[in-house]
Amino acid sequence: MNLTAADYVFILDPWWNPSVEAQAIDRAHRIGQARQVFAYRLIASDTIEEKVALYPIESVKFCRSV
């Protein structure tokens, strides 16, 4: 697979480790990539994945309110 030709990265199955997702997205930004790359994370509603994805946002909101 030639990732220097990729314009889009879709994360369909979120990992519990954000480093793994970041690595997958970074691979599309390899040397030789001349175009802008768009990364999308698709998360189903009312799932554990949604709760895990929202946790950091809620934590920041909580810390700012204290």
C-alpha atoms as a PDB file:
ATOM      1  CA  MET A   1       0.000   0.000   0.000  1.00  0.00           C
ATOM      2  CA  ASN A   2       1.339   3.421  -0.942  1.00  0.00           C
ATOM      3  CA  LEU A   3       0.307   5.753   1.844  1.00  0.00           C
ATOM      4  CA  THR A   4       1.814   8.816   0.183  1.00  0.00           C
ATOM      5  CA  ALA A   5      -1.227   8.722  -2.109  1.00  0.00           C
ATOM      6  CA  ALA A   6      -3.754   8.649   0.760  1.00  0.00           C
ATOM      7  CA  ASP A   7      -5.967  11.715   1.255  1.00  0.00           C
ATOM      8  CA  TYR A   8      -8.248  10.303   3.955  1.00  0.00           C
ATOM      9  CA  VAL A   9      -7.745   8.144   7.035  1.00  0.00           C
ATOM     10  CA  PHE A  10     -10.816   6.549   8.605  1.00  0.00           C
ATOM     11  CA  ILE A  11     -10.611   5.079  12.105  1.00  0.00           C
ATOM     12  CA  LEU A  12     -13.572   2.683  12.218  1.00  0.00           C
ATOM     13  CA  ASP A  13     -12.597   0.609  15.242  1.00  0.00           C
ATOM     14  CA  PRO A  14     -11.179   2.886  17.946  1.00  0.00           C
ATOM     15  CA  TRP A  15      -8.295   1.513  19.982  1.00  0.00           C
ATOM     16  CA  TRP A  16      -8.035   1.938  23.726  1.00  0.00           C
ATOM     17  CA  ASN A  17      -4.495   3.191  23.184  1.00  0.00           C
ATOM     18  CA  PRO A  18      -4.560   6.583  21.393  1.00  0.00           C
ATOM     19  CA  SER A  19      -0.925   6.127  20.318  1.00  0.00           C
ATOM     20  CA  VAL A  20      -1.964   3.354  17.933  1.00  0.00           C
ATOM     21  CA  GLU A  21      -4.496   5.626  16.217  1.00  0.00           C
ATOM     22  CA  ALA A  22      -1.984   8.468  16.053  1.00  0.00           C
ATOM     23  CA  GLN A  23       0.546   6.157  14.422  1.00  0.00           C
ATOM     24  CA  ALA A  24      -1.991   5.098  11.779  1.00  0.00           C
ATOM     25  CA  ILE A  25      -2.760   8.737  10.985  1.00  0.00           C
ATOM     26  CA  ASP A  26       0.918   9.721  10.959  1.00  0.00           C
ATOM     27  CA  ARG A  27       1.693   7.045   8.403  1.00  0.00           C
ATOM     28  CA  ALA A  28      -0.394   8.946   5.858  1.00  0.00           C
ATOM     29  CA  HIS A  29       1.850  11.987   6.432  1.00  0.00           C
ATOM     30  CA  ARG A  30       4.996  10.241   5.223  1.00  0.00           C
ATOM     31  CA  ILE A  31       7.721  11.935   3.247  1.00  0.00           C
ATOM     32  CA  GLY A  32       6.505  12.521  -0.267  1.00  0.00           C
ATOM     33  CA  GLN A  33       2.915  13.337   0.699  1.00  0.00           C
ATOM     34  CA  ALA A  34       2.074  16.540  -1.130  1.00  0.00           C
ATOM     35  CA  ARG A  35      -1.644  16.724  -0.357  1.00  0.00           C
ATOM     36  CA  GLN A  36      -3.542  17.563   2.796  1.00  0.00           C
ATOM     37  CA  VAL A  37      -4.665  14.483   4.749  1.00  0.00           C
ATOM     38  CA  PHE A  38      -8.012  14.305   6.556  1.00  0.00           C
ATOM     39  CA  ALA A  39      -8.467  11.924   9.480  1.00  0.00           C
ATOM     40  CA  TYR A  40     -11.914  10.881  10.701  1.00  0.00           C
ATOM     41  CA  ARG A  41     -12.817   8.831  13.754  1.00  0.00           C
ATOM     42  CA  LEU A  42     -16.221   7.200  13.419  1.00  0.00           C
ATOM     43  CA  ILE A  43     -17.791   6.230  16.728  1.00  0.00           C
ATOM     44  CA  ALA A  44     -21.233   4.672  17.146  1.00  0.00           C
ATOM     45  CA  SER A  45     -23.567   6.380  19.601  1.00  0.00           C
ATOM     46  CA  ASP A  46     -24.544   4.774  22.910  1.00  0.00           C
ATOM     47  CA  THR A  47     -21.448   2.552  23.032  1.00  0.00           C
ATOM     48  CA  ILE A  48     -18.510   2.134  25.370  1.00  0.00           C
ATOM     49  CA  GLU A  49     -16.322   3.652  22.648  1.00  0.00           C
ATOM     50  CA  GLU A  50     -18.394   6.835  22.748  1.00  0.00           C
ATOM     51  CA  LYS A  51     -18.025   7.086  26.514  1.00  0.00           C
ATOM     52  CA  VAL A  52     -14.267   6.552  26.299  1.00  0.00           C
ATOM     53  CA  ALA A  53     -13.972   9.208  23.567  1.00  0.00           C
ATOM     54  CA  LEU A  54     -15.969  11.735  25.608  1.00  0.00           C
ATOM     55  CA  TYR A  55     -14.093  11.116  28.862  1.00  0.00           C
ATOM     56  CA  PRO A  56     -11.122  13.459  28.149  1.00  0.00           C
ATOM     57  CA  ILE A  57     -13.499  16.250  27.094  1.00  0.00           C
ATOM     58  CA  GLU A  58     -15.574  15.888  30.240  1.00  0.00           C
ATOM     59  CA  SER A  59     -12.420  15.803  32.383  1.00  0.00           C
ATOM     60  CA  VAL A  60     -11.218  19.114  30.963  1.00  0.00           C
ATOM     61  CA  LYS A  61     -14.635  20.682  31.545  1.00  0.00           C
ATOM     62  CA  PHE A  62     -14.617  19.461  35.139  1.00  0.00           C
ATOM     63  CA  CYS A  63     -11.113  20.762  35.824  1.00  0.00           C
ATOM     64  CA  ARG A  64     -11.966  24.181  34.429  1.00  0.00           C
ATOM     65  CA  SER A  65     -15.087  24.410  36.584  1.00  0.00           C
ATOM     66  CA  VAL A  66     -13.223  23.757  39.832  1.00  0.00           C
END
